[in-house]
Amino acid sequence: MTRTIALACGLAMGGSVALADMVAPTEVSFGDYGSVEQSLTGTPGDPEAGREVMVSKGIGNCVSCHAAEDYSDVPFHGEVGPPLDGIGEYRTEGELRGILINAKMTFPGSVMPAFYKVDGFTRPGNAYTGKAAEGELDPLLSAQQIEDVVAYLMTLTD
């Protein structure tokens, strides 16, 4: 069921995601230091869509914790997370994907949300969860949104 919901999310966003290539949140394989080398969708990310996820308060809301010169036009940058300027030069796609999926695999004490995880934690309430099916939770971001954010972050170079 999770794959079906993720596929629907990808298609609704204008993507063409093949179900066979979709990696469900419970099937993610983490490597050394929390990296995830395998694409979640098999479809390249769209950097422009990734930027929208990053700066939208109702989607990723990354701007609330991270600053970057590239989106300095967006108000109210947070300072909880590190600045993202140049991150595309010192992090790999696999490292960024892993951090987005579940930052605690790389940084155990991180307060960054796990954007592609559906179990093993308590969400703040049903208004913030979205149910894929009775008893199942949707991840905070779809597989394609994760790939889009990774693609965008890779453009942030000095």
N, C-alpha and C. Protein backbone atom coordinates (compact mmCIF):
# COMPACT_ATOMS: atom_id res chain seq x y z
N MET A 1 0.82 -1.20 0.00
CA MET A 1 0.00 0.00 0.00
C MET A 1 0.87 1.27 0.00
N THR A 2 1.98 1.24 0.75
CA THR A 2 2.85 2.41 0.82
C THR A 2 3.42 2.73 -0.55
N ARG A 3 3.79 1.70 -1.32
CA ARG A 3 4.32 1.95 -2.66
C ARG A 3 3.27 2.60 -3.54
N THR A 4 2.03 2.18 -3.41
CA THR A 4 0.95 2.75 -4.22
C THR A 4 0.75 4.21 -3.89
N ILE A 5 0.76 4.55 -2.61
CA ILE A 5 0.60 5.95 -2.20
C ILE A 5 1.78 6.78 -2.70
N ALA A 6 2.99 6.27 -2.55
CA ALA A 6 4.17 7.01 -3.00
C ALA A 6 4.13 7.21 -4.51
N LEU A 7 3.70 6.19 -5.24
CA LEU A 7 3.57 6.32 -6.69
C LEU A 7 2.56 7.39 -7.04
N ALA A 8 1.43 7.39 -6.37
CA ALA A 8 0.40 8.39 -6.62
C ALA A 8 0.94 9.79 -6.34
N CYS A 9 1.70 9.95 -5.26
CA CYS A 9 2.30 11.25 -4.94
C CYS A 9 3.24 11.70 -6.06
N GLY A 10 4.07 10.77 -6.53
CA GLY A 10 5.01 11.10 -7.60
C GLY A 10 4.30 11.49 -8.88
N LEU A 11 3.27 10.76 -9.23
CA LEU A 11 2.52 11.07 -10.44
C LEU A 11 1.75 12.37 -10.31
N ALA A 12 1.20 12.63 -9.14
CA ALA A 12 0.45 13.87 -8.92
C ALA A 12 1.35 15.09 -9.06
N MET A 13 2.64 14.90 -8.79
CA MET A 13 3.59 16.01 -8.89
C MET A 13 4.12 16.15 -10.32
N GLY A 14 3.53 15.38 -11.25
CA GLY A 14 3.93 15.51 -12.64
C GLY A 14 5.06 14.58 -13.02
N GLY A 15 5.42 13.67 -12.16
CA GLY A 15 6.50 12.74 -12.45
C GLY A 15 5.99 11.49 -13.12
N SER A 16 6.91 10.69 -13.57
CA SER A 16 6.57 9.39 -14.13
C SER A 16 7.42 8.36 -13.40
N VAL A 17 6.90 7.88 -12.31
CA VAL A 17 7.64 6.99 -11.44
C VAL A 17 7.18 5.56 -11.69
N ALA A 18 8.12 4.67 -11.91
CA ALA A 18 7.78 3.27 -12.10
C ALA A 18 7.70 2.58 -10.75
N LEU A 19 6.61 1.86 -10.52
CA LEU A 19 6.39 1.20 -9.24
C LEU A 19 7.52 0.25 -8.90
N ALA A 20 8.07 -0.44 -9.89
CA ALA A 20 9.13 -1.40 -9.64
C ALA A 20 10.37 -0.72 -9.07
N ASP A 21 10.58 0.55 -9.36
CA ASP A 21 11.75 1.27 -8.90
C ASP A 21 11.53 1.96 -7.56
N MET A 22 10.31 2.01 -7.06
CA MET A 22 9.99 2.72 -5.83
C MET A 22 10.51 1.96 -4.62
N VAL A 23 11.18 2.66 -3.72
CA VAL A 23 11.64 2.08 -2.46
C VAL A 23 10.73 2.62 -1.37
N ALA A 24 10.02 1.72 -0.70
CA ALA A 24 9.12 2.12 0.38
C ALA A 24 9.93 2.54 1.60
N PRO A 25 9.37 3.38 2.46
CA PRO A 25 10.11 3.83 3.65
C PRO A 25 10.65 2.68 4.51
N THR A 26 9.92 1.61 4.61
CA THR A 26 10.36 0.48 5.43
C THR A 26 11.39 -0.40 4.73
N GLU A 27 11.69 -0.12 3.46
CA GLU A 27 12.64 -0.93 2.69
C GLU A 27 13.95 -0.20 2.39
N VAL A 28 14.14 0.99 2.95
CA VAL A 28 15.35 1.77 2.71
C VAL A 28 16.55 1.05 3.33
N SER A 29 17.62 0.98 2.57
CA SER A 29 18.85 0.34 3.03
C SER A 29 19.92 1.42 3.27
N PHE A 30 20.35 1.55 4.52
CA PHE A 30 21.35 2.54 4.89
C PHE A 30 22.74 1.92 4.82
N GLY A 31 23.69 2.69 4.32
CA GLY A 31 25.08 2.26 4.26
C GLY A 31 25.88 2.89 5.38
N ASP A 32 27.17 3.01 5.14
CA ASP A 32 28.06 3.61 6.12
C ASP A 32 27.62 5.04 6.46
N TYR A 33 27.62 5.33 7.74
CA TYR A 33 27.29 6.67 8.23
C TYR A 33 25.93 7.17 7.77
N GLY A 34 25.01 6.24 7.50
CA GLY A 34 23.64 6.63 7.17
C GLY A 34 23.39 6.98 5.72
N SER A 35 24.34 6.75 4.83
CA SER A 35 24.11 7.09 3.42
C SER A 35 23.13 6.12 2.79
N VAL A 36 22.39 6.62 1.79
CA VAL A 36 21.46 5.80 1.02
C VAL A 36 21.82 6.03 -0.45
N GLU A 37 22.52 5.08 -1.02
CA GLU A 37 23.03 5.24 -2.38
C GLU A 37 21.95 5.02 -3.43
N GLN A 38 20.99 4.16 -3.16
CA GLN A 38 19.96 3.84 -4.15
C GLN A 38 18.90 4.94 -4.19
N SER A 39 18.59 5.40 -5.40
CA SER A 39 17.49 6.34 -5.59
C SER A 39 16.21 5.70 -5.07
N LEU A 40 15.35 6.50 -4.48
CA LEU A 40 14.08 5.99 -3.98
C LEU A 40 13.08 5.76 -5.10
N THR A 41 13.30 6.39 -6.24
CA THR A 41 12.33 6.34 -7.34
C THR A 41 12.89 5.81 -8.65
N GLY A 42 14.19 5.87 -8.82
CA GLY A 42 14.77 5.53 -10.12
C GLY A 42 14.61 6.66 -11.12
N THR A 43 14.05 7.77 -10.67
CA THR A 43 13.81 8.94 -11.52
C THR A 43 14.66 10.10 -10.99
N PRO A 44 15.41 10.78 -11.85
CA PRO A 44 16.21 11.91 -11.37
C PRO A 44 15.34 12.97 -10.70
N GLY A 45 15.90 13.60 -9.70
CA GLY A 45 15.19 14.68 -9.02
C GLY A 45 15.17 15.95 -9.85
N ASP A 46 14.19 16.79 -9.57
CA ASP A 46 14.02 18.09 -10.22
C ASP A 46 14.46 19.16 -9.23
N PRO A 47 15.60 19.82 -9.48
CA PRO A 47 16.09 20.82 -8.53
C PRO A 47 15.09 21.95 -8.23
N GLU A 48 14.33 22.38 -9.22
CA GLU A 48 13.36 23.45 -8.99
C GLU A 48 12.25 22.99 -8.04
N ALA A 49 11.77 21.76 -8.23
CA ALA A 49 10.77 21.21 -7.33
C ALA A 49 11.37 21.02 -5.94
N GLY A 50 12.63 20.64 -5.88
CA GLY A 50 13.31 20.47 -4.59
C GLY A 50 13.43 21.78 -3.83
N ARG A 51 13.73 22.85 -4.54
CA ARG A 51 13.79 24.16 -3.89
C ARG A 51 12.43 24.52 -3.30
N GLU A 52 11.36 24.23 -4.04
CA GLU A 52 10.01 24.53 -3.55
C GLU A 52 9.71 23.74 -2.28
N VAL A 53 10.10 22.49 -2.22
CA VAL A 53 9.92 21.70 -1.01
C VAL A 53 10.69 22.33 0.15
N MET A 54 11.92 22.74 -0.12
CA MET A 54 12.78 23.32 0.92
C MET A 54 12.20 24.59 1.54
N VAL A 55 11.67 25.46 0.71
CA VAL A 55 11.26 26.78 1.20
C VAL A 55 9.79 26.88 1.57
N SER A 56 9.01 25.87 1.25
CA SER A 56 7.57 25.91 1.54
C SER A 56 7.31 25.50 2.98
N LYS A 57 6.68 26.38 3.72
CA LYS A 57 6.36 26.10 5.12
C LYS A 57 5.42 24.91 5.26
N GLY A 58 4.58 24.65 4.25
CA GLY A 58 3.62 23.56 4.32
C GLY A 58 4.13 22.25 3.75
N ILE A 59 5.37 22.21 3.26
CA ILE A 59 5.90 20.96 2.70
C ILE A 59 7.10 20.55 3.54
N GLY A 60 8.30 20.91 3.11
CA GLY A 60 9.51 20.51 3.84
C GLY A 60 9.86 21.42 4.99
N ASN A 61 9.62 22.72 4.78
CA ASN A 61 9.89 23.72 5.80
C ASN A 61 11.35 23.72 6.25
N CYS A 62 12.25 23.33 5.37
CA CYS A 62 13.68 23.28 5.69
C CYS A 62 14.23 24.66 6.05
N VAL A 63 13.65 25.69 5.44
CA VAL A 63 14.09 27.06 5.66
C VAL A 63 13.94 27.47 7.13
N SER A 64 13.08 26.80 7.87
CA SER A 64 12.90 27.16 9.28
C SER A 64 14.12 26.82 10.13
N CYS A 65 14.96 25.91 9.64
CA CYS A 65 16.16 25.53 10.39
C CYS A 65 17.46 25.83 9.66
N HIS A 66 17.41 25.90 8.33
CA HIS A 66 18.64 26.04 7.52
C HIS A 66 18.59 27.30 6.67
N ALA A 67 19.70 28.02 6.65
CA ALA A 67 19.86 29.18 5.78
C ALA A 67 20.72 28.80 4.58
N ALA A 68 20.50 29.49 3.47
CA ALA A 68 21.35 29.36 2.27
C ALA A 68 21.18 30.61 1.44
N GLU A 69 22.25 31.07 0.87
CA GLU A 69 22.21 32.28 0.05
C GLU A 69 21.24 32.13 -1.11
N ASP A 70 21.12 30.92 -1.66
CA ASP A 70 20.27 30.70 -2.83
C ASP A 70 18.80 31.01 -2.56
N TYR A 71 18.35 30.84 -1.34
CA TYR A 71 16.96 31.19 -1.02
C TYR A 71 16.88 32.28 0.04
N SER A 72 17.79 33.23 -0.07
CA SER A 72 17.80 34.36 0.87
C SER A 72 16.58 35.27 0.68
N ASP A 73 15.87 35.10 -0.45
CA ASP A 73 14.65 35.87 -0.69
C ASP A 73 13.48 35.36 0.16
N VAL A 74 13.62 34.20 0.77
CA VAL A 74 12.56 33.61 1.60
C VAL A 74 12.78 34.08 3.03
N PRO A 75 11.77 34.67 3.67
CA PRO A 75 11.97 35.21 5.03
C PRO A 75 12.03 34.13 6.10
N PHE A 76 12.56 34.53 7.24
CA PHE A 76 12.56 33.75 8.48
C PHE A 76 13.40 32.48 8.43
N HIS A 77 14.65 32.62 8.04
CA HIS A 77 15.57 31.48 8.07
C HIS A 77 15.87 31.13 9.51
N GLY A 78 15.96 29.85 9.77
CA GLY A 78 16.34 29.39 11.08
C GLY A 78 17.84 29.23 11.19
N GLU A 79 18.29 29.01 12.41
CA GLU A 79 19.72 28.82 12.66
C GLU A 79 19.98 27.56 13.48
N VAL A 80 18.99 26.68 13.57
CA VAL A 80 19.16 25.44 14.33
C VAL A 80 20.07 24.49 13.56
N GLY A 81 19.82 24.35 12.26
CA GLY A 81 20.64 23.47 11.43
C GLY A 81 21.77 24.24 10.78
N PRO A 82 22.74 23.52 10.24
CA PRO A 82 23.87 24.21 9.61
C PRO A 82 23.45 24.93 8.33
N PRO A 83 24.15 25.99 7.96
CA PRO A 83 23.90 26.64 6.67
C PRO A 83 24.16 25.64 5.55
N LEU A 84 23.43 25.75 4.45
CA LEU A 84 23.53 24.77 3.37
C LEU A 84 24.36 25.25 2.18
N ASP A 85 24.91 26.46 2.27
CA ASP A 85 25.75 26.95 1.19
C ASP A 85 26.92 25.99 0.97
N GLY A 86 27.12 25.57 -0.28
CA GLY A 86 28.23 24.70 -0.63
C GLY A 86 28.04 23.22 -0.32
N ILE A 87 26.88 22.83 0.19
CA ILE A 87 26.69 21.44 0.61
C ILE A 87 26.84 20.45 -0.55
N GLY A 88 26.55 20.89 -1.77
CA GLY A 88 26.69 20.02 -2.93
C GLY A 88 28.14 19.69 -3.25
N GLU A 89 29.08 20.40 -2.63
CA GLU A 89 30.51 20.13 -2.83
C GLU A 89 31.08 19.17 -1.81
N TYR A 90 30.51 19.14 -0.61
CA TYR A 90 31.12 18.30 0.42
C TYR A 90 30.25 17.14 0.88
N ARG A 91 29.05 17.00 0.33
CA ARG A 91 28.20 15.83 0.60
C ARG A 91 27.87 15.15 -0.72
N THR A 92 27.78 13.84 -0.69
CA THR A 92 27.37 13.09 -1.89
C THR A 92 25.85 13.00 -1.93
N GLU A 93 25.33 12.59 -3.09
CA GLU A 93 23.88 12.38 -3.19
C GLU A 93 23.42 11.35 -2.17
N GLY A 94 24.17 10.27 -2.01
CA GLY A 94 23.81 9.23 -1.05
C GLY A 94 23.78 9.74 0.38
N GLU A 95 24.74 10.57 0.74
CA GLU A 95 24.75 11.15 2.09
C GLU A 95 23.56 12.06 2.29
N LEU A 96 23.27 12.91 1.32
CA LEU A 96 22.14 13.83 1.45
C LEU A 96 20.82 13.07 1.50
N ARG A 97 20.68 12.05 0.66
CA ARG A 97 19.46 11.24 0.66
C ARG A 97 19.26 10.60 2.04
N GLY A 98 20.32 10.04 2.60
CA GLY A 98 20.24 9.41 3.91
C GLY A 98 19.87 10.39 5.00
N ILE A 99 20.45 11.58 4.97
CA ILE A 99 20.15 12.61 5.97
C ILE A 99 18.69 13.02 5.87
N LEU A 100 18.18 13.18 4.66
CA LEU A 100 16.78 13.55 4.49
C LEU A 100 15.84 12.44 4.94
N ILE A 101 16.18 11.21 4.62
CA ILE A 101 15.32 10.08 4.98
C ILE A 101 15.25 9.95 6.49
N ASN A 102 16.40 9.94 7.16
CA ASN A 102 16.45 9.83 8.62
C ASN A 102 17.80 10.34 9.11
N ALA A 103 17.87 11.60 9.46
CA ALA A 103 19.12 12.24 9.86
C ALA A 103 19.77 11.56 11.06
N LYS A 104 18.99 10.89 11.88
CA LYS A 104 19.55 10.26 13.07
C LYS A 104 20.46 9.08 12.73
N MET A 105 20.41 8.58 11.51
CA MET A 105 21.32 7.52 11.09
C MET A 105 22.73 8.07 10.89
N THR A 106 22.84 9.36 10.59
CA THR A 106 24.14 10.02 10.41
C THR A 106 24.52 10.83 11.65
N PHE A 107 23.55 11.53 12.21
CA PHE A 107 23.75 12.40 13.37
C PHE A 107 22.79 11.96 14.48
N PRO A 108 23.19 11.01 15.32
CA PRO A 108 22.26 10.42 16.31
C PRO A 108 21.52 11.43 17.19
N GLY A 109 22.11 12.55 17.52
CA GLY A 109 21.46 13.52 18.39
C GLY A 109 20.70 14.60 17.65
N SER A 110 20.55 14.46 16.35
CA SER A 110 19.91 15.49 15.53
C SER A 110 18.45 15.71 15.90
N VAL A 111 18.02 16.95 15.78
CA VAL A 111 16.60 17.27 15.95
C VAL A 111 15.88 17.35 14.60
N MET A 112 16.63 17.11 13.52
CA MET A 112 16.03 17.14 12.19
C MET A 112 15.03 16.00 12.06
N PRO A 113 13.85 16.30 11.51
CA PRO A 113 12.85 15.24 11.33
C PRO A 113 13.31 14.18 10.34
N ALA A 114 12.80 12.98 10.50
CA ALA A 114 12.99 11.91 9.53
C ALA A 114 11.90 12.10 8.48
N PHE A 115 12.28 12.55 7.30
CA PHE A 115 11.29 12.91 6.28
C PHE A 115 10.74 11.73 5.49
N TYR A 116 11.38 10.55 5.61
CA TYR A 116 10.89 9.38 4.86
C TYR A 116 10.90 8.16 5.78
N LYS A 117 10.26 8.31 6.90
CA LYS A 117 10.17 7.24 7.89
C LYS A 117 8.72 7.16 8.34
N VAL A 118 8.24 5.95 8.62
CA VAL A 118 6.83 5.81 8.98
C VAL A 118 6.62 5.03 10.27
N ASP A 119 7.70 4.63 10.94
CA ASP A 119 7.52 3.89 12.18
C ASP A 119 8.66 4.18 13.15
N GLY A 120 8.48 3.74 14.39
CA GLY A 120 9.54 3.89 15.37
C GLY A 120 9.62 5.24 16.05
N PHE A 121 8.57 6.03 15.96
CA PHE A 121 8.54 7.34 16.61
C PHE A 121 7.10 7.75 16.83
N THR A 122 6.91 8.83 17.55
CA THR A 122 5.57 9.36 17.79
C THR A 122 5.45 10.68 17.07
N ARG A 123 4.43 10.80 16.24
CA ARG A 123 4.18 12.07 15.55
C ARG A 123 3.35 12.96 16.47
N PRO A 124 3.35 14.28 16.22
CA PRO A 124 2.66 15.21 17.12
C PRO A 124 1.15 15.14 17.10
N GLY A 125 0.55 14.42 16.19
CA GLY A 125 -0.91 14.32 16.15
C GLY A 125 -1.39 14.02 14.75
N ASN A 126 -2.62 13.60 14.64
CA ASN A 126 -3.16 13.19 13.35
C ASN A 126 -3.17 14.32 12.32
N ALA A 127 -3.27 15.55 12.76
CA ALA A 127 -3.28 16.67 11.81
C ALA A 127 -1.96 16.77 11.05
N TYR A 128 -0.90 16.16 11.59
CA TYR A 128 0.42 16.25 10.98
C TYR A 128 0.88 14.95 10.35
N THR A 129 0.02 13.94 10.28
CA THR A 129 0.50 12.64 9.83
C THR A 129 0.04 12.26 8.45
N GLY A 130 -1.20 12.38 8.11
CA GLY A 130 -1.68 11.88 6.83
C GLY A 130 -1.63 10.37 6.83
N LYS A 131 -2.74 9.73 6.64
CA LYS A 131 -2.78 8.27 6.72
C LYS A 131 -2.82 7.67 5.33
N ALA A 132 -1.87 6.78 5.04
CA ALA A 132 -1.85 6.08 3.77
C ALA A 132 -2.99 5.08 3.72
N ALA A 133 -3.24 4.44 4.79
CA ALA A 133 -4.34 3.48 4.94
C ALA A 133 -4.58 3.37 6.44
N GLU A 134 -5.67 2.78 6.81
CA GLU A 134 -5.97 2.67 8.24
C GLU A 134 -4.79 2.02 8.96
N GLY A 135 -4.27 2.71 9.93
CA GLY A 135 -3.16 2.19 10.70
C GLY A 135 -1.78 2.46 10.12
N GLU A 136 -1.69 3.05 8.92
CA GLU A 136 -0.41 3.35 8.30
C GLU A 136 -0.22 4.86 8.22
N LEU A 137 1.00 5.31 8.33
CA LEU A 137 1.32 6.72 8.20
C LEU A 137 2.04 6.97 6.89
N ASP A 138 1.80 8.12 6.30
CA ASP A 138 2.58 8.56 5.15
C ASP A 138 3.87 9.17 5.68
N PRO A 139 4.96 9.08 4.92
CA PRO A 139 6.15 9.83 5.31
C PRO A 139 5.89 11.33 5.14
N LEU A 140 6.68 12.15 5.78
CA LEU A 140 6.50 13.60 5.66
C LEU A 140 6.70 14.07 4.23
N LEU A 141 7.65 13.46 3.51
CA LEU A 141 7.88 13.77 2.10
C LEU A 141 7.76 12.49 1.29
N SER A 142 7.31 12.62 0.04
CA SER A 142 7.24 11.45 -0.84
C SER A 142 8.65 11.09 -1.31
N ALA A 143 8.77 9.91 -1.89
CA ALA A 143 10.06 9.47 -2.43
C ALA A 143 10.56 10.45 -3.48
N GLN A 144 9.67 10.93 -4.36
CA GLN A 144 10.12 11.86 -5.39
C GLN A 144 10.51 13.21 -4.79
N GLN A 145 9.81 13.64 -3.77
CA GLN A 145 10.21 14.90 -3.12
C GLN A 145 11.60 14.77 -2.50
N ILE A 146 11.92 13.62 -1.93
CA ILE A 146 13.27 13.40 -1.40
C ILE A 146 14.28 13.53 -2.53
N GLU A 147 14.02 12.88 -3.66
CA GLU A 147 14.93 12.94 -4.81
C GLU A 147 15.05 14.37 -5.34
N ASP A 148 13.95 15.12 -5.33
CA ASP A 148 13.98 16.51 -5.78
C ASP A 148 14.84 17.36 -4.86
N VAL A 149 14.70 17.19 -3.56
CA VAL A 149 15.50 17.96 -2.61
C VAL A 149 16.98 17.61 -2.75
N VAL A 150 17.28 16.34 -2.92
CA VAL A 150 18.68 15.93 -3.13
C VAL A 150 19.23 16.63 -4.37
N ALA A 151 18.47 16.61 -5.46
CA ALA A 151 18.91 17.27 -6.70
C ALA A 151 19.15 18.77 -6.46
N TYR A 152 18.26 19.41 -5.71
CA TYR A 152 18.43 20.83 -5.43
C TYR A 152 19.68 21.07 -4.57
N LEU A 153 19.84 20.29 -3.52
CA LEU A 153 21.00 20.48 -2.63
C LEU A 153 22.32 20.29 -3.38
N MET A 154 22.32 19.42 -4.37
CA MET A 154 23.54 19.20 -5.16
C MET A 154 23.89 20.42 -6.01
N THR A 155 22.92 21.33 -6.22
CA THR A 155 23.22 22.56 -6.97
C THR A 155 23.82 23.64 -6.08
N LEU A 156 23.76 23.45 -4.77
CA LEU A 156 24.28 24.46 -3.84
C LEU A 156 25.79 24.29 -3.69
N THR A 157 26.51 24.95 -4.56
CA THR A 157 27.98 24.88 -4.56
C THR A 157 28.51 26.31 -4.40
N ASP A 158 29.70 26.39 -3.89
CA ASP A 158 30.32 27.72 -3.70
C ASP A 158 30.90 28.24 -4.99
